[in-house]
PDB file of N, CA and C in Angstrom:
ATOM      1  N   MET A   1      11.023  16.176   7.028  1.00  0.00           N
ATOM      2  CA  MET A   1      10.207  15.229   6.096  1.00  0.00           C
ATOM      3  C   MET A   1       9.176  14.609   6.929  1.00  0.00           C
ATOM      4  N   VAL A   2       8.038  14.617   6.463  1.00  0.00           N
ATOM      5  CA  VAL A   2       6.883  14.118   7.236  1.00  0.00           C
ATOM      6  C   VAL A   2       6.457  12.917   6.378  1.00  0.00           C
ATOM      7  N   VAL A   3       6.302  11.739   7.020  1.00  0.00           N
ATOM      8  CA  VAL A   3       5.872  10.546   6.556  1.00  0.00           C
ATOM      9  C   VAL A   3       4.408  10.392   6.692  1.00  0.00           C
ATOM     10  N   LYS A   4       3.614  10.093   5.634  1.00  0.00           N
ATOM     11  CA  LYS A   4       2.200   9.987   5.771  1.00  0.00           C
ATOM     12  C   LYS A   4       1.779   8.560   5.642  1.00  0.00           C
ATOM     13  N   THR A   5       0.472   8.220   5.814  1.00  0.00           N
ATOM     14  CA  THR A   5      -0.039   6.932   5.775  1.00  0.00           C
ATOM     15  C   THR A   5      -1.041   6.917   4.603  1.00  0.00           C
ATOM     16  N   PHE A   6      -0.881   5.920   3.687  1.00  0.00           N
ATOM     17  CA  PHE A   6      -1.925   5.885   2.536  1.00  0.00           C
ATOM     18  C   PHE A   6      -2.429   4.576   2.512  1.00  0.00           C
ATOM     19  N   ARG A   7      -3.767   4.617   2.058  1.00  0.00           N
ATOM     20  CA  ARG A   7      -4.555   3.337   1.766  1.00  0.00           C
ATOM     21  C   ARG A   7      -4.765   3.389   0.178  1.00  0.00           C
ATOM     22  N   ILE A   8      -4.243   2.244  -0.507  1.00  0.00           N
ATOM     23  CA  ILE A   8      -4.242   2.086  -1.896  1.00  0.00           C
ATOM     24  C   ILE A   8      -5.248   1.019  -2.293  1.00  0.00           C
ATOM     25  N   LYS A   9      -6.166   1.271  -3.169  1.00  0.00           N
ATOM     26  CA  LYS A   9      -7.083   0.155  -3.643  1.00  0.00           C
ATOM     27  C   LYS A   9      -6.862   0.098  -5.145  1.00  0.00           C
ATOM     28  N   GLY A  10      -7.010  -1.171  -5.636  1.00  0.00           N
ATOM     29  CA  GLY A  10      -6.774  -1.419  -7.096  1.00  0.00           C
ATOM     30  C   GLY A  10      -7.019  -2.936  -7.323  1.00  0.00           C
ATOM     31  N   ARG A  11      -6.433  -3.275  -8.473  1.00  0.00           N
ATOM     32  CA  ARG A  11      -6.552  -4.714  -8.933  1.00  0.00           C
ATOM     33  C   ARG A  11      -5.233  -5.020  -9.510  1.00  0.00           C
ATOM     34  N   PHE A  12      -4.759  -6.252  -9.486  1.00  0.00           N
ATOM     35  CA  PHE A  12      -3.561  -6.725 -10.207  1.00  0.00           C
ATOM     36  C   PHE A  12      -3.872  -8.075 -10.857  1.00  0.00           C
ATOM     37  N   LEU A  13      -3.122  -8.477 -11.876  1.00  0.00           N
ATOM     38  CA  LEU A  13      -3.307  -9.722 -12.529  1.00  0.00           C
ATOM     39  C   LEU A  13      -2.611 -10.854 -11.857  1.00  0.00           C
ATOM     40  N   MET A  14      -3.320 -11.892 -11.474  1.00  0.00           N
ATOM     41  CA  MET A  14      -2.667 -13.095 -10.837  1.00  0.00           C
ATOM     42  C   MET A  14      -3.185 -14.109 -11.637  1.00  0.00           C
ATOM     43  N   GLY A  15      -2.252 -14.793 -12.302  1.00  0.00           N
ATOM     44  CA  GLY A  15      -2.593 -15.900 -13.240  1.00  0.00           C
ATOM     45  C   GLY A  15      -3.550 -15.286 -14.462  1.00  0.00           C
ATOM     46  N   ARG A  16      -4.564 -15.614 -14.502  1.00  0.00           N
ATOM     47  CA  ARG A  16      -5.443 -14.989 -15.668  1.00  0.00           C
ATOM     48  C   ARG A  16      -6.565 -14.171 -15.093  1.00  0.00           C
ATOM     49  N   GLN A  17      -6.636 -14.029 -13.849  1.00  0.00           N
ATOM     50  CA  GLN A  17      -7.720 -13.142 -13.105  1.00  0.00           C
ATOM     51  C   GLN A  17      -7.215 -11.920 -12.467  1.00  0.00           C
ATOM     52  N   MET A  18      -7.930 -10.994 -12.606  1.00  0.00           N
ATOM     53  CA  MET A  18      -7.730  -9.622 -11.815  1.00  0.00           C
ATOM     54  C   MET A  18      -8.105  -9.834 -10.404  1.00  0.00           C
ATOM     55  N   GLN A  19      -7.253  -9.645  -9.529  1.00  0.00           N
ATOM     56  CA  GLN A  19      -7.528  -9.776  -7.998  1.00  0.00           C
ATOM     57  C   GLN A  19      -7.460  -8.400  -7.372  1.00  0.00           C
ATOM     58  N   PRO A  20      -8.677  -8.020  -6.675  1.00  0.00           N
ATOM     59  CA  PRO A  20      -8.679  -6.716  -5.967  1.00  0.00           C
ATOM     60  C   PRO A  20      -7.733  -6.857  -4.798  1.00  0.00           C
ATOM     61  N   PHE A  21      -7.201  -5.680  -4.371  1.00  0.00           N
ATOM     62  CA  PHE A  21      -6.404  -5.401  -3.267  1.00  0.00           C
ATOM     63  C   PHE A  21      -6.634  -4.153  -2.566  1.00  0.00           C
ATOM     64  N   VAL A  22      -6.463  -4.130  -1.304  1.00  0.00           N
ATOM     65  CA  VAL A  22      -6.328  -2.904  -0.525  1.00  0.00           C
ATOM     66  C   VAL A  22      -5.137  -2.995   0.313  1.00  0.00           C
ATOM     67  N   TRP A  23      -4.246  -2.093   0.298  1.00  0.00           N
ATOM     68  CA  TRP A  23      -2.888  -2.127   0.823  1.00  0.00           C
ATOM     69  C   TRP A  23      -2.588  -0.777   1.428  1.00  0.00           C
ATOM     70  N   GLU A  24      -2.002  -0.860   2.617  1.00  0.00           N
ATOM     71  CA  GLU A  24      -1.616   0.373   3.343  1.00  0.00           C
ATOM     72  C   GLU A  24      -0.109   0.507   3.426  1.00  0.00           C
ATOM     73  N   CYS A  25       0.358   1.637   3.270  1.00  0.00           N
ATOM     74  CA  CYS A  25       1.776   1.966   3.388  1.00  0.00           C
ATOM     75  C   CYS A  25       2.053   3.326   3.999  1.00  0.00           C
ATOM     76  N   ARG A  26       3.349   3.508   4.322  1.00  0.00           N
ATOM     77  CA  ARG A  26       3.694   4.769   4.819  1.00  0.00           C
ATOM     78  C   ARG A  26       4.784   5.287   3.838  1.00  0.00           C
ATOM     79  N   ALA A  27       4.543   6.578   3.396  1.00  0.00           N
ATOM     80  CA  ALA A  27       5.488   7.157   2.414  1.00  0.00           C
ATOM     81  C   ALA A  27       5.402   8.660   2.398  1.00  0.00           C
ATOM     82  N   VAL A  28       6.407   9.399   1.935  1.00  0.00           N
ATOM     83  CA  VAL A  28       6.605  10.734   2.120  1.00  0.00           C
ATOM     84  C   VAL A  28       5.626  11.421   1.269  1.00  0.00           C
ATOM     85  N   ASP A  29       5.078  10.899   0.018  1.00  0.00           N
ATOM     86  CA  ASP A  29       4.128  11.367  -0.839  1.00  0.00           C
ATOM     87  C   ASP A  29       3.427  10.444  -1.718  1.00  0.00           C
ATOM     88  N   VAL A  30       2.514  10.957  -2.412  1.00  0.00           N
ATOM     89  CA  VAL A  30       1.738   9.874  -3.322  1.00  0.00           C
ATOM     90  C   VAL A  30       2.637   9.123  -4.189  1.00  0.00           C
ATOM     91  N   THR A  31       3.402   9.936  -4.832  1.00  0.00           N
ATOM     92  CA  THR A  31       4.365   9.346  -5.987  1.00  0.00           C
ATOM     93  C   THR A  31       5.136   8.165  -5.280  1.00  0.00           C
ATOM     94  N   LYS A  32       5.680   8.324  -4.088  1.00  0.00           N
ATOM     95  CA  LYS A  32       6.564   7.264  -3.349  1.00  0.00           C
ATOM     96  C   LYS A  32       5.575   6.045  -3.053  1.00  0.00           C
ATOM     97  N   ALA A  33       4.211   6.396  -2.669  1.00  0.00           N
ATOM     98  CA  ALA A  33       3.263   5.321  -2.296  1.00  0.00           C
ATOM     99  C   ALA A  33       2.999   4.510  -3.612  1.00  0.00           C
ATOM    100  N   TYR A  34       2.839   5.142  -4.706  1.00  0.00           N
ATOM    101  CA  TYR A  34       2.662   4.423  -5.992  1.00  0.00           C
ATOM    102  C   TYR A  34       3.793   3.378  -6.138  1.00  0.00           C
ATOM    103  N   GLU A  35       5.122   4.024  -6.026  1.00  0.00           N
ATOM    104  CA  GLU A  35       6.198   3.281  -6.308  1.00  0.00           C
ATOM    105  C   GLU A  35       6.375   2.030  -5.364  1.00  0.00           C
ATOM    106  N   LYS A  36       5.896   2.186  -4.025  1.00  0.00           N
ATOM    107  CA  LYS A  36       6.001   1.029  -3.108  1.00  0.00           C
ATOM    108  C   LYS A  36       5.103  -0.011  -3.479  1.00  0.00           C
ATOM    109  N   VAL A  37       3.857   0.335  -4.070  1.00  0.00           N
ATOM    110  CA  VAL A  37       2.829  -0.623  -4.475  1.00  0.00           C
ATOM    111  C   VAL A  37       3.420  -1.469  -5.649  1.00  0.00           C
ATOM    112  N   TYR A  38       3.923  -0.884  -6.583  1.00  0.00           N
ATOM    113  CA  TYR A  38       4.534  -1.451  -7.775  1.00  0.00           C
ATOM    114  C   TYR A  38       5.754  -2.387  -7.320  1.00  0.00           C
ATOM    115  N   SER A  39       6.600  -1.909  -6.532  1.00  0.00           N
ATOM    116  CA  SER A  39       7.735  -2.699  -5.930  1.00  0.00           C
ATOM    117  C   SER A  39       7.253  -3.872  -5.203  1.00  0.00           C
ATOM    118  N   GLU A  40       6.340  -3.724  -4.188  1.00  0.00           N
ATOM    119  CA  GLU A  40       5.906  -4.714  -3.432  1.00  0.00           C
ATOM    120  C   GLU A  40       5.097  -5.797  -4.168  1.00  0.00           C
ATOM    121  N   PHE A  41       4.289  -5.447  -5.023  1.00  0.00           N
ATOM    122  CA  PHE A  41       3.570  -6.502  -5.818  1.00  0.00           C
ATOM    123  C   PHE A  41       4.375  -7.144  -6.780  1.00  0.00           C
ATOM    124  N   GLY A  42       5.338  -6.399  -7.403  1.00  0.00           N
ATOM    125  CA  GLY A  42       6.306  -7.110  -8.350  1.00  0.00           C
ATOM    126  C   GLY A  42       7.137  -8.006  -7.681  1.00  0.00           C
ATOM    127  N   SER A  43       7.565  -7.810  -6.461  1.00  0.00           N
ATOM    128  CA  SER A  43       8.501  -8.693  -5.791  1.00  0.00           C
ATOM    129  C   SER A  43       7.741  -9.895  -5.218  1.00  0.00           C
ATOM    130  N   LYS A  44       6.591  -9.719  -4.500  1.00  0.00           N
ATOM    131  CA  LYS A  44       5.868 -10.764  -3.898  1.00  0.00           C
ATOM    132  C   LYS A  44       5.002 -11.617  -4.837  1.00  0.00           C
ATOM    133  N   HIS A  45       4.507 -11.016  -5.798  1.00  0.00           N
ATOM    134  CA  HIS A  45       3.522 -11.744  -6.609  1.00  0.00           C
ATOM    135  C   HIS A  45       4.177 -11.764  -8.226  1.00  0.00           C
ATOM    136  N   ARG A  46       5.370 -11.275  -8.406  1.00  0.00           N
ATOM    137  CA  ARG A  46       5.992 -11.277  -9.734  1.00  0.00           C
ATOM    138  C   ARG A  46       4.971 -10.731 -10.797  1.00  0.00           C
ATOM    139  N   THR A  47       4.391  -9.667 -10.469  1.00  0.00           N
ATOM    140  CA  THR A  47       3.397  -8.943 -11.369  1.00  0.00           C
ATOM    141  C   THR A  47       4.069  -7.807 -11.902  1.00  0.00           C
ATOM    142  N   LYS A  48       4.059  -7.563 -13.267  1.00  0.00           N
ATOM    143  CA  LYS A  48       4.548  -6.590 -13.967  1.00  0.00           C
ATOM    144  C   LYS A  48       3.776  -5.196 -13.698  1.00  0.00           C
ATOM    145  N   ARG A  49       4.427  -4.095 -13.805  1.00  0.00           N
ATOM    146  CA  ARG A  49       3.722  -2.806 -13.523  1.00  0.00           C
ATOM    147  C   ARG A  49       2.466  -2.603 -14.381  1.00  0.00           C
ATOM    148  N   ARG A  50       2.563  -2.947 -15.592  1.00  0.00           N
ATOM    149  CA  ARG A  50       1.461  -2.699 -16.443  1.00  0.00           C
ATOM    150  C   ARG A  50       0.262  -3.551 -16.022  1.00  0.00           C
ATOM    151  N   ASN A  51       0.375  -4.610 -15.189  1.00  0.00           N
ATOM    152  CA  ASN A  51      -0.701  -5.370 -14.732  1.00  0.00           C
ATOM    153  C   ASN A  51      -1.239  -5.135 -13.323  1.00  0.00           C
ATOM    154  N   ILE A  52      -0.821  -4.011 -12.935  1.00  0.00           N
ATOM    155  CA  ILE A  52      -1.265  -3.474 -11.567  1.00  0.00           C
ATOM    156  C   ILE A  52      -2.092  -2.130 -11.922  1.00  0.00           C
ATOM    157  N   ILE A  53      -3.230  -2.208 -11.602  1.00  0.00           N
ATOM    158  CA  ILE A  53      -4.231  -1.044 -11.814  1.00  0.00           C
ATOM    159  C   ILE A  53      -4.499  -0.366 -10.515  1.00  0.00           C
ATOM    160  N   ILE A  54      -4.075   0.783 -10.188  1.00  0.00           N
ATOM    161  CA  ILE A  54      -4.375   1.458  -8.953  1.00  0.00           C
ATOM    162  C   ILE A  54      -5.532   2.342  -9.277  1.00  0.00           C
ATOM    163  N   GLU A  55      -6.644   2.211  -8.462  1.00  0.00           N
ATOM    164  CA  GLU A  55      -7.937   2.839  -8.679  1.00  0.00           C
ATOM    165  C   GLU A  55      -8.068   3.817  -7.686  1.00  0.00           C
ATOM    166  N   GLU A  56      -7.485   3.839  -6.443  1.00  0.00           N
ATOM    167  CA  GLU A  56      -7.734   4.959  -5.481  1.00  0.00           C
ATOM    168  C   GLU A  56      -6.580   5.009  -4.486  1.00  0.00           C
ATOM    169  N   VAL A  57      -6.167   6.131  -4.240  1.00  0.00           N
ATOM    170  CA  VAL A  57      -5.213   6.357  -3.268  1.00  0.00           C
ATOM    171  C   VAL A  57      -5.650   7.496  -2.343  1.00  0.00           C
ATOM    172  N   GLU A  58      -5.778   7.189  -1.126  1.00  0.00           N
ATOM    173  CA  GLU A  58      -6.183   8.088  -0.090  1.00  0.00           C
ATOM    174  C   GLU A  58      -5.209   8.224   1.120  1.00  0.00           C
ATOM    175  N   GLU A  59      -5.051   9.483   1.615  1.00  0.00           N
ATOM    176  CA  GLU A  59      -4.218   9.715   2.814  1.00  0.00           C
ATOM    177  C   GLU A  59      -5.056   9.482   3.923  1.00  0.00           C
ATOM    178  N   ILE A  60      -4.651   8.561   4.928  1.00  0.00           N
ATOM    179  CA  ILE A  60      -5.427   8.388   6.061  1.00  0.00           C
ATOM    180  C   ILE A  60      -4.556   8.778   7.322  1.00  0.00           C
ATOM    181  N   SER A  61      -5.198   8.797   8.380  1.00  0.00           N
ATOM    182  CA  SER A  61      -4.433   9.074   9.661  1.00  0.00           C
ATOM    183  C   SER A  61      -3.868   7.725  10.116  1.00  0.00           C
ATOM    184  N   PRO A  62      -2.745   7.615  10.768  1.00  0.00           N
ATOM    185  CA  PRO A  62      -2.269   6.415  11.243  1.00  0.00           C
ATOM    186  C   PRO A  62      -3.274   5.596  12.075  1.00  0.00           C
ATOM    187  N   GLU A  63      -4.115   6.362  12.828  1.00  0.00           N
ATOM    188  CA  GLU A  63      -5.174   5.584  13.679  1.00  0.00           C
ATOM    189  C   GLU A  63      -6.250   4.938  12.819  1.00  0.00           C
ATOM    190  N   GLN A  64      -6.338   5.352  11.609  1.00  0.00           N
ATOM    191  CA  GLN A  64      -7.307   4.646  10.761  1.00  0.00           C
ATOM    192  C   GLN A  64      -6.808   3.414  10.024  1.00  0.00           C
ATOM    193  N   ALA A  65      -5.494   3.231  10.133  1.00  0.00           N
ATOM    194  CA  ALA A  65      -4.840   2.035   9.473  1.00  0.00           C
ATOM    195  C   ALA A  65      -5.281   0.712  10.043  1.00  0.00           C
ATOM    196  N   GLU A  66      -5.511  -0.187   9.236  1.00  0.00           N
ATOM    197  CA  GLU A  66      -6.023  -1.565   9.697  1.00  0.00           C
ATOM    198  C   GLU A  66      -4.807  -2.515   9.811  1.00  0.00           C
ATOM    199  N   ASP A  67      -3.647  -2.191   9.179  1.00  0.00           N
ATOM    200  CA  ASP A  67      -2.533  -3.107   9.183  1.00  0.00           C
ATOM    201  C   ASP A  67      -1.867  -2.852  10.523  1.00  0.00           C
ATOM    202  N   PRO A  68      -1.608  -3.856  11.395  1.00  0.00           N
ATOM    203  CA  PRO A  68      -0.969  -3.484  12.674  1.00  0.00           C
ATOM    204  C   PRO A  68       0.419  -3.036  12.599  1.00  0.00           C
ATOM    205  N   MET A  69       1.165  -3.500  11.586  1.00  0.00           N
ATOM    206  CA  MET A  69       2.530  -3.055  11.407  1.00  0.00           C
ATOM    207  C   MET A  69       2.579  -1.566  10.964  1.00  0.00           C
ATOM    208  N   ILE A  70       1.642  -1.071  10.267  1.00  0.00           N
ATOM    209  CA  ILE A  70       1.716   0.351   9.920  1.00  0.00           C
ATOM    210  C   ILE A  70       1.355   1.097  11.080  1.00  0.00           C
ATOM    211  N   ARG A  71       0.410   0.687  11.986  1.00  0.00           N
ATOM    212  CA  ARG A  71       0.099   1.247  13.282  1.00  0.00           C
ATOM    213  C   ARG A  71       1.314   1.331  14.192  1.00  0.00           C
ATOM    214  N   ILE A  72       2.191   0.305  14.117  1.00  0.00           N
ATOM    215  CA  ILE A  72       3.264   0.286  15.109  1.00  0.00           C
ATOM    216  C   ILE A  72       4.282   1.276  14.580  1.00  0.00           C
ATOM    217  N   PHE A  73       4.549   1.234  13.211  1.00  0.00           N
ATOM    218  CA  PHE A  73       5.546   2.014  12.594  1.00  0.00           C
ATOM    219  C   PHE A  73       5.206   3.588  12.896  1.00  0.00           C
ATOM    220  N   ALA A  74       3.840   3.901  12.922  1.00  0.00           N
ATOM    221  CA  ALA A  74       3.452   5.292  13.083  1.00  0.00           C
ATOM    222  C   ALA A  74       3.461   5.688  14.595  1.00  0.00           C
ATOM    223  N   GLY A  75       3.673   4.765  15.462  1.00  0.00           N
ATOM    224  CA  GLY A  75       3.649   4.992  16.824  1.00  0.00           C
ATOM    225  C   GLY A  75       2.234   5.026  17.510  1.00  0.00           C
ATOM    226  N   VAL A  76       1.301   4.514  16.800  1.00  0.00           N
ATOM    227  CA  VAL A  76      -0.067   4.509  17.338  1.00  0.00           C
ATOM    228  C   VAL A  76      -0.159   3.278  18.411  1.00  0.00           C
ATOM    229  N   GLU A  77       0.387   2.172  18.078  1.00  0.00           N
ATOM    230  CA  GLU A  77       0.472   1.076  19.012  1.00  0.00           C
ATOM    231  C   GLU A  77       1.804   0.598  19.323  1.00  0.00           C
ATOM    232  N   GLU A  78       1.915  -0.044  20.467  1.00  0.00           N
ATOM    233  CA  GLU A  78       3.342  -0.541  20.850  1.00  0.00           C
ATOM    234  C   GLU A  78       3.388  -2.039  20.512  1.00  0.00           C
ATOM    235  N   HIS A  79       4.534  -2.436  20.166  1.00  0.00           N
ATOM    236  CA  HIS A  79       4.729  -3.832  19.779  1.00  0.00           C
ATOM    237  C   HIS A  79       4.921  -4.674  21.128  1.00  0.00           C
ATOM    238  N   GLY A  80       3.967  -5.582  21.276  1.00  0.00           N
ATOM    239  CA  GLY A  80       4.198  -6.161  22.539  1.00  0.00           C
ATOM    240  C   GLY A  80       3.740  -7.658  22.813  1.00  0.00           C
TER     241      GLY A  80
END
Protein backbone atom coordinates (compact mmCIF):
# COMPACT_ATOMS: atom_id res chain seq x y z
CA MET A 1 0.00 0.00 0.00
CA VAL A 2 1.54 3.28 -1.14
CA VAL A 3 0.61 6.46 0.71
CA LYS A 4 0.45 9.56 -1.47
CA THR A 5 0.48 13.26 -0.68
CA PHE A 6 -2.44 15.45 -1.77
CA ARG A 7 -3.06 19.20 -1.82
CA ILE A 8 -6.76 20.02 -1.56
CA LYS A 9 -8.22 23.44 -2.31
CA GLY A 10 -11.75 24.58 -1.66
CA ARG A 11 -14.12 26.60 0.50
CA PHE A 12 -16.12 25.93 3.65
CA LEU A 13 -18.87 27.78 5.44
CA MET A 14 -17.68 29.49 8.61
CA GLY A 15 -20.46 31.48 10.20
CA ARG A 16 -22.11 33.21 7.27
CA GLN A 17 -19.09 33.43 4.99
CA MET A 18 -17.34 30.96 2.73
CA GLN A 19 -13.69 30.72 3.73
CA PRO A 20 -11.09 29.46 1.24
CA PHE A 21 -8.67 26.75 2.32
CA VAL A 22 -5.63 24.89 1.07
CA TRP A 23 -4.96 21.72 3.00
CA GLU A 24 -2.40 18.96 2.57
CA CYS A 25 -2.78 15.39 3.68
CA ARG A 26 -1.37 11.92 3.18
CA ALA A 27 -3.78 9.23 2.01
CA VAL A 28 -3.87 6.00 0.03
CA ASP A 29 -6.10 7.43 -2.73
CA VAL A 30 -8.22 10.45 -3.66
CA THR A 31 -11.36 9.03 -2.04
CA LYS A 32 -9.58 8.73 1.31
CA ALA A 33 -8.21 12.27 0.91
CA TYR A 34 -11.76 13.61 0.43
CA GLU A 35 -12.86 11.70 3.52
CA LYS A 36 -10.00 13.19 5.56
CA VAL A 37 -11.00 16.73 4.54
CA TYR A 38 -14.61 16.18 5.58
CA SER A 39 -13.55 14.56 8.84
CA GLU A 40 -10.96 17.21 9.73
CA PHE A 41 -13.13 20.24 8.95
CA GLY A 42 -16.15 18.68 10.61
CA SER A 43 -14.13 18.00 13.72
CA LYS A 44 -12.21 21.28 14.00
CA HIS A 45 -14.76 23.73 12.62
CA ARG A 46 -18.05 21.89 13.23
CA THR A 47 -18.81 22.22 9.53
CA LYS A 48 -21.26 19.85 7.89
CA ARG A 49 -20.14 18.00 4.77
CA ARG A 50 -22.65 19.82 2.60
CA ASN A 51 -20.97 23.13 3.59
CA ILE A 52 -17.53 22.03 2.39
CA ILE A 53 -16.85 22.59 -1.30
CA ILE A 54 -13.76 20.87 -2.65
CA GLU A 55 -12.68 22.60 -5.85
CA GLU A 56 -9.35 20.96 -6.64
CA VAL A 57 -7.39 17.91 -5.53
CA GLU A 58 -3.91 17.33 -6.81
CA GLU A 59 -1.37 14.68 -6.02
CA ILE A 60 1.97 16.24 -5.16
CA SER A 61 5.36 14.87 -4.25
CA PRO A 62 6.21 14.99 -0.53
CA GLU A 63 8.98 17.48 -1.35
CA GLN A 64 6.36 19.94 -2.67
CA ALA A 65 4.36 19.87 0.58
CA GLU A 66 4.38 23.13 2.52
CA ASP A 67 3.08 21.62 5.77
CA PRO A 68 6.12 20.63 7.86
CA MET A 69 4.27 17.73 9.53
CA ILE A 70 3.42 16.23 6.13
CA ARG A 71 7.09 16.50 5.15
CA ILE A 72 8.15 14.78 8.39
CA PHE A 73 5.59 11.97 7.99
CA ALA A 74 6.74 11.45 4.41
CA GLY A 75 10.37 11.22 5.50
CA VAL A 76 11.52 14.32 3.63
CA GLU A 77 12.58 16.17 6.79
CA GLU A 78 13.64 15.04 10.21
CA HIS A 79 11.95 16.25 13.36
CA GLY A 80 14.45 18.11 15.27
